[in-house]
Amino acid sequence: VAMLLMHRDATVTIVHSKTKDAKSVVSRADVVVAAVGRARMVKADWIKEGAAVIDVGINSVDDPEAKRGYRLVGDVDYDAAKEVAGKITPVPGGVGPMTIAMLLRNTLNACRRKIAEP
């Protein structure tokens, strides 16, 4: 994603779980793509007012009230962040369906290329 954005002349800053003061770095971003692999790591006070938040993470957390005993959440604290963000993707149901659609498209394209080989 970072490379795609840079090819469109976006200034990209990559923050990871070991970045010192990640909150201050993230809070300056107009677009946040969260893919850290930690449930609700990105808090609402990290998000700049009106920023677009794309939550790629998917984590299971214990939830005794859920039928399976757990529920899925993203890397962003969605309930709090939705009050600050201009736009935000939910987890589950946000980028997952698009990921699956693109995977299927790429698989179909690879199959077509293989069939067309001499």
PDB file of N, CA and C in Angstrom:
ATOM      1  N   VAL A   1       0.831  -1.190   0.000  1.00  0.00           N
ATOM      2  CA  VAL A   1       0.000   0.000   0.000  1.00  0.00           C
ATOM      3  C   VAL A   1       0.871   1.247   0.000  1.00  0.00           C
ATOM      4  N   ALA A   2       1.951   1.207   0.786  1.00  0.00           N
ATOM      5  CA  ALA A   2       2.849   2.364   0.845  1.00  0.00           C
ATOM      6  C   ALA A   2       3.406   2.687  -0.536  1.00  0.00           C
ATOM      7  N   MET A   3       3.824   1.665  -1.265  1.00  0.00           N
ATOM      8  CA  MET A   3       4.381   1.892  -2.610  1.00  0.00           C
ATOM      9  C   MET A   3       3.325   2.433  -3.570  1.00  0.00           C
ATOM     10  N   LEU A   4       2.112   1.905  -3.488  1.00  0.00           N
ATOM     11  CA  LEU A   4       1.043   2.406  -4.348  1.00  0.00           C
ATOM     12  C   LEU A   4       0.795   3.891  -4.087  1.00  0.00           C
ATOM     13  N   LEU A   5       0.773   4.272  -2.828  1.00  0.00           N
ATOM     14  CA  LEU A   5       0.558   5.673  -2.482  1.00  0.00           C
ATOM     15  C   LEU A   5       1.723   6.550  -2.932  1.00  0.00           C
ATOM     16  N   MET A   6       2.943   6.070  -2.764  1.00  0.00           N
ATOM     17  CA  MET A   6       4.110   6.850  -3.185  1.00  0.00           C
ATOM     18  C   MET A   6       4.140   7.040  -4.696  1.00  0.00           C
ATOM     19  N   HIS A   7       3.679   6.044  -5.452  1.00  0.00           N
ATOM     20  CA  HIS A   7       3.614   6.178  -6.908  1.00  0.00           C
ATOM     21  C   HIS A   7       2.576   7.216  -7.332  1.00  0.00           C
ATOM     22  N   ARG A   8       1.708   7.590  -6.408  1.00  0.00           N
ATOM     23  CA  ARG A   8       0.723   8.651  -6.662  1.00  0.00           C
ATOM     24  C   ARG A   8       1.164   9.952  -5.997  1.00  0.00           C
ATOM     25  N   ASP A   9       2.468  10.046  -5.676  1.00  0.00           N
ATOM     26  CA  ASP A   9       3.097  11.239  -5.100  1.00  0.00           C
ATOM     27  C   ASP A   9       2.635  11.575  -3.688  1.00  0.00           C
ATOM     28  N   ALA A  10       2.171  10.578  -2.954  1.00  0.00           N
ATOM     29  CA  ALA A  10       1.816  10.796  -1.553  1.00  0.00           C
ATOM     30  C   ALA A  10       3.081  10.717  -0.700  1.00  0.00           C
ATOM     31  N   THR A  11       3.130  11.497   0.345  1.00  0.00           N
ATOM     32  CA  THR A  11       4.203  11.379   1.322  1.00  0.00           C
ATOM     33  C   THR A  11       3.778  10.309   2.315  1.00  0.00           C
ATOM     34  N   VAL A  12       4.572   9.263   2.427  1.00  0.00           N
ATOM     35  CA  VAL A  12       4.211   8.104   3.245  1.00  0.00           C
ATOM     36  C   VAL A  12       5.187   7.982   4.409  1.00  0.00           C
ATOM     37  N   THR A  13       4.645   7.815   5.589  1.00  0.00           N
ATOM     38  CA  THR A  13       5.441   7.528   6.776  1.00  0.00           C
ATOM     39  C   THR A  13       4.983   6.185   7.306  1.00  0.00           C
ATOM     40  N   ILE A  14       5.922   5.283   7.509  1.00  0.00           N
ATOM     41  CA  ILE A  14       5.580   3.965   8.024  1.00  0.00           C
ATOM     42  C   ILE A  14       5.881   3.927   9.519  1.00  0.00           C
ATOM     43  N   VAL A  15       4.878   3.545  10.271  1.00  0.00           N
ATOM     44  CA  VAL A  15       4.996   3.427  11.728  1.00  0.00           C
ATOM     45  C   VAL A  15       4.746   1.969  12.061  1.00  0.00           C
ATOM     46  N   HIS A  16       5.531   1.416  12.957  1.00  0.00           N
ATOM     47  CA  HIS A  16       5.330   0.033  13.375  1.00  0.00           C
ATOM     48  C   HIS A  16       5.256  -0.035  14.898  1.00  0.00           C
ATOM     49  N   SER A  17       5.076  -1.238  15.400  1.00  0.00           N
ATOM     50  CA  SER A  17       4.836  -1.410  16.833  1.00  0.00           C
ATOM     51  C   SER A  17       6.005  -0.957  17.705  1.00  0.00           C
ATOM     52  N   LYS A  18       7.185  -0.824  17.134  1.00  0.00           N
ATOM     53  CA  LYS A  18       8.360  -0.403  17.911  1.00  0.00           C
ATOM     54  C   LYS A  18       8.734   1.059  17.669  1.00  0.00           C
ATOM     55  N   THR A  19       7.955   1.781  16.871  1.00  0.00           N
ATOM     56  CA  THR A  19       8.235   3.193  16.614  1.00  0.00           C
ATOM     57  C   THR A  19       8.078   3.983  17.902  1.00  0.00           C
ATOM     58  N   LYS A  20       9.092   4.795  18.207  1.00  0.00           N
ATOM     59  CA  LYS A  20       9.019   5.642  19.397  1.00  0.00           C
ATOM     60  C   LYS A  20       7.969   6.724  19.169  1.00  0.00           C
ATOM     61  N   ASP A  21       7.091   6.896  20.136  1.00  0.00           N
ATOM     62  CA  ASP A  21       6.022   7.886  20.095  1.00  0.00           C
ATOM     63  C   ASP A  21       5.173   7.779  18.816  1.00  0.00           C
ATOM     64  N   ALA A  22       4.715   6.567  18.543  1.00  0.00           N
ATOM     65  CA  ALA A  22       3.889   6.322  17.359  1.00  0.00           C
ATOM     66  C   ALA A  22       2.658   7.221  17.342  1.00  0.00           C
ATOM     67  N   LYS A  23       2.114   7.497  18.512  1.00  0.00           N
ATOM     68  CA  LYS A  23       0.919   8.339  18.605  1.00  0.00           C
ATOM     69  C   LYS A  23       1.138   9.692  17.933  1.00  0.00           C
ATOM     70  N   SER A  24       2.267  10.345  18.192  1.00  0.00           N
ATOM     71  CA  SER A  24       2.486  11.675  17.617  1.00  0.00           C
ATOM     72  C   SER A  24       2.694  11.613  16.110  1.00  0.00           C
ATOM     73  N   VAL A  25       3.281  10.527  15.622  1.00  0.00           N
ATOM     74  CA  VAL A  25       3.478  10.373  14.178  1.00  0.00           C
ATOM     75  C   VAL A  25       2.124  10.146  13.494  1.00  0.00           C
ATOM     76  N   VAL A  26       1.352   9.219  14.025  1.00  0.00           N
ATOM     77  CA  VAL A  26       0.063   8.884  13.425  1.00  0.00           C
ATOM     78  C   VAL A  26      -0.897  10.070  13.485  1.00  0.00           C
ATOM     79  N   SER A  27      -0.832  10.845  14.539  1.00  0.00           N
ATOM     80  CA  SER A  27      -1.791  11.944  14.715  1.00  0.00           C
ATOM     81  C   SER A  27      -1.612  13.076  13.696  1.00  0.00           C
ATOM     82  N   ARG A  28      -0.560  13.034  12.912  1.00  0.00           N
ATOM     83  CA  ARG A  28      -0.355  14.037  11.850  1.00  0.00           C
ATOM     84  C   ARG A  28      -0.847  13.565  10.492  1.00  0.00           C
ATOM     85  N   ALA A  29      -1.287  12.312  10.408  1.00  0.00           N
ATOM     86  CA  ALA A  29      -1.638  11.712   9.119  1.00  0.00           C
ATOM     87  C   ALA A  29      -3.050  12.058   8.669  1.00  0.00           C
ATOM     88  N   ASP A  30      -3.192  12.315   7.378  1.00  0.00           N
ATOM     89  CA  ASP A  30      -4.508  12.515   6.778  1.00  0.00           C
ATOM     90  C   ASP A  30      -5.171  11.174   6.474  1.00  0.00           C
ATOM     91  N   VAL A  31      -4.347  10.162   6.201  1.00  0.00           N
ATOM     92  CA  VAL A  31      -4.823   8.807   5.935  1.00  0.00           C
ATOM     93  C   VAL A  31      -4.009   7.862   6.801  1.00  0.00           C
ATOM     94  N   VAL A  32      -4.691   6.989   7.526  1.00  0.00           N
ATOM     95  CA  VAL A  32      -4.026   5.993   8.364  1.00  0.00           C
ATOM     96  C   VAL A  32      -4.431   4.620   7.849  1.00  0.00           C
ATOM     97  N   VAL A  33      -3.431   3.806   7.507  1.00  0.00           N
ATOM     98  CA  VAL A  33      -3.667   2.411   7.144  1.00  0.00           C
ATOM     99  C   VAL A  33      -3.071   1.586   8.276  1.00  0.00           C
ATOM    100  N   ALA A  34      -3.926   0.971   9.068  1.00  0.00           N
ATOM    101  CA  ALA A  34      -3.470   0.233  10.244  1.00  0.00           C
ATOM    102  C   ALA A  34      -3.387  -1.255   9.920  1.00  0.00           C
ATOM    103  N   ALA A  35      -2.178  -1.794  10.045  1.00  0.00           N
ATOM    104  CA  ALA A  35      -1.955  -3.220   9.782  1.00  0.00           C
ATOM    105  C   ALA A  35      -0.843  -3.714  10.687  1.00  0.00           C
ATOM    106  N   VAL A  36      -1.000  -3.487  11.975  1.00  0.00           N
ATOM    107  CA  VAL A  36       0.064  -3.803  12.931  1.00  0.00           C
ATOM    108  C   VAL A  36      -0.084  -5.183  13.558  1.00  0.00           C
ATOM    109  N   GLY A  37      -1.287  -5.720  13.571  1.00  0.00           N
ATOM    110  CA  GLY A  37      -1.490  -7.046  14.136  1.00  0.00           C
ATOM    111  C   GLY A  37      -1.717  -7.066  15.638  1.00  0.00           C
ATOM    112  N   ARG A  38      -2.146  -5.946  16.180  1.00  0.00           N
ATOM    113  CA  ARG A  38      -2.479  -5.860  17.608  1.00  0.00           C
ATOM    114  C   ARG A  38      -3.876  -5.285  17.757  1.00  0.00           C
ATOM    115  N   ALA A  39      -4.703  -5.990  18.472  1.00  0.00           N
ATOM    116  CA  ALA A  39      -6.090  -5.564  18.652  1.00  0.00           C
ATOM    117  C   ALA A  39      -6.166  -4.176  19.273  1.00  0.00           C
ATOM    118  N   ARG A  40      -6.874  -3.288  18.591  1.00  0.00           N
ATOM    119  CA  ARG A  40      -7.173  -1.933  19.079  1.00  0.00           C
ATOM    120  C   ARG A  40      -5.937  -1.138  19.507  1.00  0.00           C
ATOM    121  N   MET A  41      -4.821  -1.353  18.857  1.00  0.00           N
ATOM    122  CA  MET A  41      -3.601  -0.622  19.222  1.00  0.00           C
ATOM    123  C   MET A  41      -3.732   0.875  18.933  1.00  0.00           C
ATOM    124  N   VAL A  42      -4.357   1.208  17.806  1.00  0.00           N
ATOM    125  CA  VAL A  42      -4.493   2.607  17.405  1.00  0.00           C
ATOM    126  C   VAL A  42      -5.728   3.180  18.092  1.00  0.00           C
ATOM    127  N   LYS A  43      -5.493   4.111  18.983  1.00  0.00           N
ATOM    128  CA  LYS A  43      -6.566   4.714  19.784  1.00  0.00           C
ATOM    129  C   LYS A  43      -7.119   5.960  19.102  1.00  0.00           C
ATOM    130  N   ALA A  44      -8.276   6.392  19.548  1.00  0.00           N
ATOM    131  CA  ALA A  44      -8.924   7.566  18.966  1.00  0.00           C
ATOM    132  C   ALA A  44      -8.064   8.816  19.094  1.00  0.00           C
ATOM    133  N   ASP A  45      -7.335   8.962  20.185  1.00  0.00           N
ATOM    134  CA  ASP A  45      -6.526  10.173  20.352  1.00  0.00           C
ATOM    135  C   ASP A  45      -5.268  10.152  19.482  1.00  0.00           C
ATOM    136  N   TRP A  46      -5.046   9.076  18.747  1.00  0.00           N
ATOM    137  CA  TRP A  46      -3.970   9.021  17.763  1.00  0.00           C
ATOM    138  C   TRP A  46      -4.444   9.599  16.426  1.00  0.00           C
ATOM    139  N   ILE A  47      -5.745   9.655  16.211  1.00  0.00           N
ATOM    140  CA  ILE A  47      -6.319   9.986  14.910  1.00  0.00           C
ATOM    141  C   ILE A  47      -6.571  11.485  14.791  1.00  0.00           C
ATOM    142  N   LYS A  48      -6.089  12.052  13.700  1.00  0.00           N
ATOM    143  CA  LYS A  48      -6.327  13.457  13.387  1.00  0.00           C
ATOM    144  C   LYS A  48      -7.810  13.626  13.034  1.00  0.00           C
ATOM    145  N   GLU A  49      -8.410  14.685  13.515  1.00  0.00           N
ATOM    146  CA  GLU A  49      -9.821  14.974  13.227  1.00  0.00           C
ATOM    147  C   GLU A  49     -10.056  14.966  11.718  1.00  0.00           C
ATOM    148  N   GLY A  50     -11.016  14.144  11.274  1.00  0.00           N
ATOM    149  CA  GLY A  50     -11.380  14.079   9.866  1.00  0.00           C
ATOM    150  C   GLY A  50     -10.534  13.147   9.022  1.00  0.00           C
ATOM    151  N   ALA A  51      -9.549  12.507   9.599  1.00  0.00           N
ATOM    152  CA  ALA A  51      -8.674  11.609   8.836  1.00  0.00           C
ATOM    153  C   ALA A  51      -9.440  10.387   8.335  1.00  0.00           C
ATOM    154  N   ALA A  52      -8.962   9.820   7.246  1.00  0.00           N
ATOM    155  CA  ALA A  52      -9.496   8.560   6.737  1.00  0.00           C
ATOM    156  C   ALA A  52      -8.707   7.425   7.379  1.00  0.00           C
ATOM    157  N   VAL A  53      -9.403   6.440   7.913  1.00  0.00           N
ATOM    158  CA  VAL A  53      -8.757   5.328   8.611  1.00  0.00           C
ATOM    159  C   VAL A  53      -9.143   4.020   7.922  1.00  0.00           C
ATOM    160  N   ILE A  54      -8.137   3.313   7.435  1.00  0.00           N
ATOM    161  CA  ILE A  54      -8.334   2.019   6.792  1.00  0.00           C
ATOM    162  C   ILE A  54      -7.730   0.975   7.716  1.00  0.00           C
ATOM    163  N   ASP A  55      -8.581   0.187   8.332  1.00  0.00           N
ATOM    164  CA  ASP A  55      -8.138  -0.819   9.300  1.00  0.00           C
ATOM    165  C   ASP A  55      -8.026  -2.160   8.594  1.00  0.00           C
ATOM    166  N   VAL A  56      -6.799  -2.605   8.385  1.00  0.00           N
ATOM    167  CA  VAL A  56      -6.528  -3.858   7.684  1.00  0.00           C
ATOM    168  C   VAL A  56      -6.423  -5.019   8.666  1.00  0.00           C
ATOM    169  N   GLY A  57      -6.200  -4.724   9.932  1.00  0.00           N
ATOM    170  CA  GLY A  57      -5.990  -5.769  10.930  1.00  0.00           C
ATOM    171  C   GLY A  57      -7.241  -6.554  11.250  1.00  0.00           C
ATOM    172  N   ILE A  58      -7.035  -7.797  11.649  1.00  0.00           N
ATOM    173  CA  ILE A  58      -8.140  -8.615  12.131  1.00  0.00           C
ATOM    174  C   ILE A  58      -7.602  -9.471  13.270  1.00  0.00           C
ATOM    175  N   ASN A  59      -8.210  -9.303  14.426  1.00  0.00           N
ATOM    176  CA  ASN A  59      -7.762  -9.972  15.647  1.00  0.00           C
ATOM    177  C   ASN A  59      -8.972 -10.524  16.380  1.00  0.00           C
ATOM    178  N   SER A  60      -8.789 -11.644  17.046  1.00  0.00           N
ATOM    179  CA  SER A  60      -9.877 -12.165  17.875  1.00  0.00           C
ATOM    180  C   SER A  60      -9.605 -11.781  19.327  1.00  0.00           C
ATOM    181  N   VAL A  61     -10.647 -11.337  19.994  1.00  0.00           N
ATOM    182  CA  VAL A  61     -10.550 -10.986  21.410  1.00  0.00           C
ATOM    183  C   VAL A  61     -11.636 -11.755  22.163  1.00  0.00           C
ATOM    184  N   ASP A  62     -11.327 -12.133  23.378  1.00  0.00           N
ATOM    185  CA  ASP A  62     -12.289 -12.857  24.199  1.00  0.00           C
ATOM    186  C   ASP A  62     -13.544 -12.017  24.407  1.00  0.00           C
ATOM    187  N   ASP A  63     -14.686 -12.661  24.261  1.00  0.00           N
ATOM    188  CA  ASP A  63     -15.973 -12.017  24.500  1.00  0.00           C
ATOM    189  C   ASP A  63     -16.947 -13.087  24.981  1.00  0.00           C
ATOM    190  N   PRO A  64     -17.100 -13.217  26.297  1.00  0.00           N
ATOM    191  CA  PRO A  64     -17.962 -14.274  26.837  1.00  0.00           C
ATOM    192  C   PRO A  64     -19.418 -14.159  26.402  1.00  0.00           C
ATOM    193  N   GLU A  65     -19.839 -12.991  25.970  1.00  0.00           N
ATOM    194  CA  GLU A  65     -21.228 -12.817  25.523  1.00  0.00           C
ATOM    195  C   GLU A  65     -21.429 -13.256  24.078  1.00  0.00           C
ATOM    196  N   ALA A  66     -20.345 -13.412  23.333  1.00  0.00           N
ATOM    197  CA  ALA A  66     -20.446 -13.850  21.941  1.00  0.00           C
ATOM    198  C   ALA A  66     -20.671 -15.350  21.893  1.00  0.00           C
ATOM    199  N   LYS A  67     -21.369 -15.810  20.874  1.00  0.00           N
ATOM    200  CA  LYS A  67     -21.706 -17.228  20.731  1.00  0.00           C
ATOM    201  C   LYS A  67     -20.458 -18.112  20.753  1.00  0.00           C
ATOM    202  N   ARG A  68     -19.409 -17.677  20.090  1.00  0.00           N
ATOM    203  CA  ARG A  68     -18.171 -18.468  20.012  1.00  0.00           C
ATOM    204  C   ARG A  68     -17.196 -18.178  21.144  1.00  0.00           C
ATOM    205  N   GLY A  69     -17.518 -17.199  21.984  1.00  0.00           N
ATOM    206  CA  GLY A  69     -16.627 -16.848  23.081  1.00  0.00           C
ATOM    207  C   GLY A  69     -15.575 -15.822  22.718  1.00  0.00           C
ATOM    208  N   TYR A  70     -15.604 -15.374  21.474  1.00  0.00           N
ATOM    209  CA  TYR A  70     -14.688 -14.333  21.013  1.00  0.00           C
ATOM    210  C   TYR A  70     -15.372 -13.523  19.925  1.00  0.00           C
ATOM    211  N   ARG A  71     -14.761 -12.388  19.591  1.00  0.00           N
ATOM    212  CA  ARG A  71     -15.238 -11.604  18.460  1.00  0.00           C
ATOM    213  C   ARG A  71     -14.046 -11.009  17.738  1.00  0.00           C
ATOM    214  N   LEU A  72     -14.276 -10.588  16.522  1.00  0.00           N
ATOM    215  CA  LEU A  72     -13.205 -10.030  15.708  1.00  0.00           C
ATOM    216  C   LEU A  72     -13.174  -8.521  15.830  1.00  0.00           C
ATOM    217  N   VAL A  73     -11.984  -7.980  15.983  1.00  0.00           N
ATOM    218  CA  VAL A  73     -11.781  -6.535  16.036  1.00  0.00           C
ATOM    219  C   VAL A  73     -10.565  -6.198  15.182  1.00  0.00           C
ATOM    220  N   GLY A  74     -10.425  -4.931  14.872  1.00  0.00           N
ATOM    221  CA  GLY A  74      -9.294  -4.488  14.067  1.00  0.00           C
ATOM    222  C   GLY A  74      -8.142  -3.983  14.909  1.00  0.00           C
ATOM    223  N   ASP A  75      -7.190  -3.394  14.228  1.00  0.00           N
ATOM    224  CA  ASP A  75      -6.032  -2.795  14.891  1.00  0.00           C
ATOM    225  C   ASP A  75      -6.349  -1.406  15.430  1.00  0.00           C
ATOM    226  N   VAL A  76      -7.491  -0.866  15.018  1.00  0.00           N
ATOM    227  CA  VAL A  76      -7.946   0.449  15.468  1.00  0.00           C
ATOM    228  C   VAL A  76      -9.093   0.252  16.464  1.00  0.00           C
ATOM    229  N   ASP A  77      -9.111   1.041  17.504  1.00  0.00           N
ATOM    230  CA  ASP A  77     -10.219   1.038  18.467  1.00  0.00           C
ATOM    231  C   ASP A  77     -11.412   1.708  17.773  1.00  0.00           C
ATOM    232  N   TYR A  78     -12.143   0.904  17.012  1.00  0.00           N
ATOM    233  CA  TYR A  78     -13.180   1.410  16.116  1.00  0.00           C
ATOM    234  C   TYR A  78     -14.222   2.277  16.817  1.00  0.00           C
ATOM    235  N   ASP A  79     -14.788   1.793  17.915  1.00  0.00           N
ATOM    236  CA  ASP A  79     -15.885   2.518  18.563  1.00  0.00           C
ATOM    237  C   ASP A  79     -15.492   3.936  18.953  1.00  0.00           C
ATOM    238  N   ALA A  80     -14.275   4.122  19.424  1.00  0.00           N
ATOM    239  CA  ALA A  80     -13.816   5.458  19.798  1.00  0.00           C
ATOM    240  C   ALA A  80     -13.350   6.249  18.574  1.00  0.00           C
ATOM    241  N   ALA A  81     -12.631   5.577  17.659  1.00  0.00           N
ATOM    242  CA  ALA A  81     -12.052   6.274  16.506  1.00  0.00           C
ATOM    243  C   ALA A  81     -13.109   6.778  15.528  1.00  0.00           C
ATOM    244  N   LYS A  82     -14.256   6.102  15.454  1.00  0.00           N
ATOM    245  CA  LYS A  82     -15.289   6.538  14.498  1.00  0.00           C
ATOM    246  C   LYS A  82     -15.839   7.922  14.848  1.00  0.00           C
ATOM    247  N   GLU A  83     -15.654   8.334  16.089  1.00  0.00           N
ATOM    248  CA  GLU A  83     -16.111   9.663  16.500  1.00  0.00           C
ATOM    249  C   GLU A  83     -15.162  10.766  16.037  1.00  0.00           C
ATOM    250  N   VAL A  84     -13.940  10.396  15.681  1.00  0.00           N
ATOM    251  CA  VAL A  84     -12.909  11.366  15.299  1.00  0.00           C
ATOM    252  C   VAL A  84     -12.639  11.324  13.797  1.00  0.00           C
ATOM    253  N   ALA A  85     -12.599  10.127  13.243  1.00  0.00           N
ATOM    254  CA  ALA A  85     -12.248   9.941  11.834  1.00  0.00           C
ATOM    255  C   ALA A  85     -13.331  10.480  10.916  1.00  0.00           C
ATOM    256  N   GLY A  86     -12.899  10.979   9.760  1.00  0.00           N
ATOM    257  CA  GLY A  86     -13.860  11.398   8.743  1.00  0.00           C
ATOM    258  C   GLY A  86     -14.522  10.191   8.100  1.00  0.00           C
ATOM    259  N   LYS A  87     -13.709   9.183   7.822  1.00  0.00           N
ATOM    260  CA  LYS A  87     -14.158   7.902   7.266  1.00  0.00           C
ATOM    261  C   LYS A  87     -13.345   6.814   7.947  1.00  0.00           C
ATOM    262  N   ILE A  88     -13.961   5.652   8.162  1.00  0.00           N
ATOM    263  CA  ILE A  88     -13.258   4.539   8.801  1.00  0.00           C
ATOM    264  C   ILE A  88     -13.857   3.222   8.326  1.00  0.00           C
ATOM    265  N   THR A  89     -12.994   2.252   8.077  1.00  0.00           N
ATOM    266  CA  THR A  89     -13.474   0.929   7.683  1.00  0.00           C
ATOM    267  C   THR A  89     -13.720   0.092   8.928  1.00  0.00           C
ATOM    268  N   PRO A  90     -14.802  -0.669   8.947  1.00  0.00           N
ATOM    269  CA  PRO A  90     -15.087  -1.536  10.092  1.00  0.00           C
ATOM    270  C   PRO A  90     -14.328  -2.857   9.988  1.00  0.00           C
ATOM    271  N   VAL A  91     -14.220  -3.538  11.092  1.00  0.00           N
ATOM    272  CA  VAL A  91     -13.691  -4.908  11.129  1.00  0.00           C
ATOM    273  C   VAL A  91     -14.648  -5.715  11.989  1.00  0.00           C
ATOM    274  N   PRO A  92     -15.171  -6.816  11.475  1.00  0.00           N
ATOM    275  CA  PRO A  92     -15.008  -7.324  10.112  1.00  0.00           C
ATOM    276  C   PRO A  92     -15.891  -6.571   9.124  1.00  0.00           C
ATOM    277  N   GLY A  93     -15.687  -6.840   7.847  1.00  0.00           N
ATOM    278  CA  GLY A  93     -16.543  -6.276   6.806  1.00  0.00           C
ATOM    279  C   GLY A  93     -15.982  -5.075   6.079  1.00  0.00           C
ATOM    280  N   GLY A  94     -14.808  -4.625   6.429  1.00  0.00           N
ATOM    281  CA  GLY A  94     -14.221  -3.458   5.770  1.00  0.00           C
ATOM    282  C   GLY A  94     -13.440  -3.845   4.535  1.00  0.00           C
ATOM    283  N   VAL A  95     -12.133  -4.025   4.687  1.00  0.00           N
ATOM    284  CA  VAL A  95     -11.282  -4.343   3.538  1.00  0.00           C
ATOM    285  C   VAL A  95     -11.280  -5.827   3.200  1.00  0.00           C
ATOM    286  N   GLY A  96     -11.743  -6.680   4.094  1.00  0.00           N
ATOM    287  CA  GLY A  96     -11.740  -8.121   3.848  1.00  0.00           C
ATOM    288  C   GLY A  96     -12.449  -8.536   2.573  1.00  0.00           C
ATOM    289  N   PRO A  97     -13.682  -8.098   2.337  1.00  0.00           N
ATOM    290  CA  PRO A  97     -14.370  -8.469   1.103  1.00  0.00           C
ATOM    291  C   PRO A  97     -13.620  -8.011  -0.156  1.00  0.00           C
ATOM    292  N   MET A  98     -12.981  -6.841  -0.092  1.00  0.00           N
ATOM    293  CA  MET A  98     -12.207  -6.370  -1.251  1.00  0.00           C
ATOM    294  C   MET A  98     -10.967  -7.242  -1.452  1.00  0.00           C
ATOM    295  N   THR A  99     -10.339  -7.649  -0.360  1.00  0.00           N
ATOM    296  CA  THR A  99      -9.177  -8.537  -0.452  1.00  0.00           C
ATOM    297  C   THR A  99      -9.567  -9.849  -1.123  1.00  0.00           C
ATOM    298  N   ILE A 100     -10.673 -10.415  -0.714  1.00  0.00           N
ATOM    299  CA  ILE A 100     -11.146 -11.678  -1.296  1.00  0.00           C
ATOM    300  C   ILE A 100     -11.477 -11.495  -2.773  1.00  0.00           C
ATOM    301  N   ALA A 101     -12.151 -10.413  -3.114  1.00  0.00           N
ATOM    302  CA  ALA A 101     -12.505 -10.149  -4.512  1.00  0.00           C
ATOM    303  C   ALA A 101     -11.255 -10.029  -5.383  1.00  0.00           C
ATOM    304  N   MET A 102     -10.247  -9.319  -4.890  1.00  0.00           N
ATOM    305  CA  MET A 102      -9.018  -9.147  -5.667  1.00  0.00           C
ATOM    306  C   MET A 102      -8.254 -10.467  -5.776  1.00  0.00           C
ATOM    307  N   LEU A 103      -8.245 -11.266  -4.727  1.00  0.00           N
ATOM    308  CA  LEU A 103      -7.600 -12.574  -4.773  1.00  0.00           C
ATOM    309  C   LEU A 103      -8.262 -13.459  -5.826  1.00  0.00           C
ATOM    310  N   LEU A 104      -9.590 -13.472  -5.841  1.00  0.00           N
ATOM    311  CA  LEU A 104     -10.304 -14.263  -6.839  1.00  0.00           C
ATOM    312  C   LEU A 104     -10.041 -13.751  -8.247  1.00  0.00           C
ATOM    313  N   ARG A 105     -10.012 -12.439  -8.429  1.00  0.00           N
ATOM    314  CA  ARG A 105      -9.721 -11.870  -9.750  1.00  0.00           C
ATOM    315  C   ARG A 105      -8.332 -12.265 -10.224  1.00  0.00           C
ATOM    316  N   ASN A 106      -7.347 -12.159  -9.326  1.00  0.00           N
ATOM    317  CA  ASN A 106      -5.981 -12.517  -9.694  1.00  0.00           C
ATOM    318  C   ASN A 106      -5.849 -14.004  -9.999  1.00  0.00           C
ATOM    319  N   THR A 107      -6.562 -14.840  -9.256  1.00  0.00           N
ATOM    320  CA  THR A 107      -6.543 -16.281  -9.514  1.00  0.00           C
ATOM    321  C   THR A 107      -7.142 -16.586 -10.882  1.00  0.00           C
ATOM    322  N   LEU A 108      -8.261 -15.950 -11.194  1.00  0.00           N
ATOM    323  CA  LEU A 108      -8.899 -16.133 -12.492  1.00  0.00           C
ATOM    324  C   LEU A 108      -7.988 -15.662 -13.624  1.00  0.00           C
ATOM    325  N   ASN A 109      -7.351 -14.507 -13.446  1.00  0.00           N
ATOM    326  CA  ASN A 109      -6.427 -14.003 -14.467  1.00  0.00           C
ATOM    327  C   ASN A 109      -5.246 -14.948 -14.675  1.00  0.00           C
ATOM    328  N   ALA A 110      -4.715 -15.503 -13.583  1.00  0.00           N
ATOM    329  CA  ALA A 110      -3.600 -16.456 -13.693  1.00  0.00           C
ATOM    330  C   ALA A 110      -4.036 -17.704 -14.431  1.00  0.00           C
ATOM    331  N   CYS A 111      -5.253 -18.173 -14.155  1.00  0.00           N
ATOM    332  CA  CYS A 111      -5.792 -19.340 -14.843  1.00  0.00           C
ATOM    333  C   CYS A 111      -5.934 -19.060 -16.331  1.00  0.00           C
ATOM    334  N   ARG A 112      -6.448 -17.910 -16.681  1.00  0.00           N
ATOM    335  CA  ARG A 112      -6.608 -17.542 -18.097  1.00  0.00           C
ATOM    336  C   ARG A 112      -5.259 -17.492 -18.798  1.00  0.00           C
ATOM    337  N   ARG A 113      -4.248 -16.935 -18.122  1.00  0.00           N
ATOM    338  CA  ARG A 113      -2.906 -16.861 -18.727  1.00  0.00           C
ATOM    339  C   ARG A 113      -2.334 -18.269 -18.924  1.00  0.00           C
ATOM    340  N   LYS A 114      -2.546 -19.145 -17.960  1.00  0.00           N
ATOM    341  CA  LYS A 114      -2.046 -20.512 -18.057  1.00  0.00           C
ATOM    342  C   LYS A 114      -2.708 -21.260 -19.202  1.00  0.00           C
ATOM    343  N   ILE A 115      -3.996 -21.106 -19.349  1.00  0.00           N
ATOM    344  CA  ILE A 115      -4.731 -21.776 -20.439  1.00  0.00           C
ATOM    345  C   ILE A 115      -4.276 -21.258 -21.796  1.00  0.00           C
ATOM    346  N   ALA A 116      -3.948 -19.978 -21.878  1.00  0.00           N
ATOM    347  CA  ALA A 116      -3.539 -19.366 -23.145  1.00  0.00           C
ATOM    348  C   ALA A 116      -2.104 -19.705 -23.537  1.00  0.00           C
ATOM    349  N   GLU A 117      -1.315 -20.308 -22.637  1.00  0.00           N
ATOM    350  CA  GLU A 117       0.071 -20.665 -22.956  1.00  0.00           C
ATOM    351  C   GLU A 117       0.102 -21.737 -24.037  1.00  0.00           C
ATOM    352  N   PRO A 118       1.097 -21.636 -24.947  1.00  0.00           N
ATOM    353  CA  PRO A 118       1.192 -22.674 -26.016  1.00  0.00           C
ATOM    354  C   PRO A 118       1.668 -24.005 -25.457  1.00  0.00           C
TER     355      PRO A 118
END
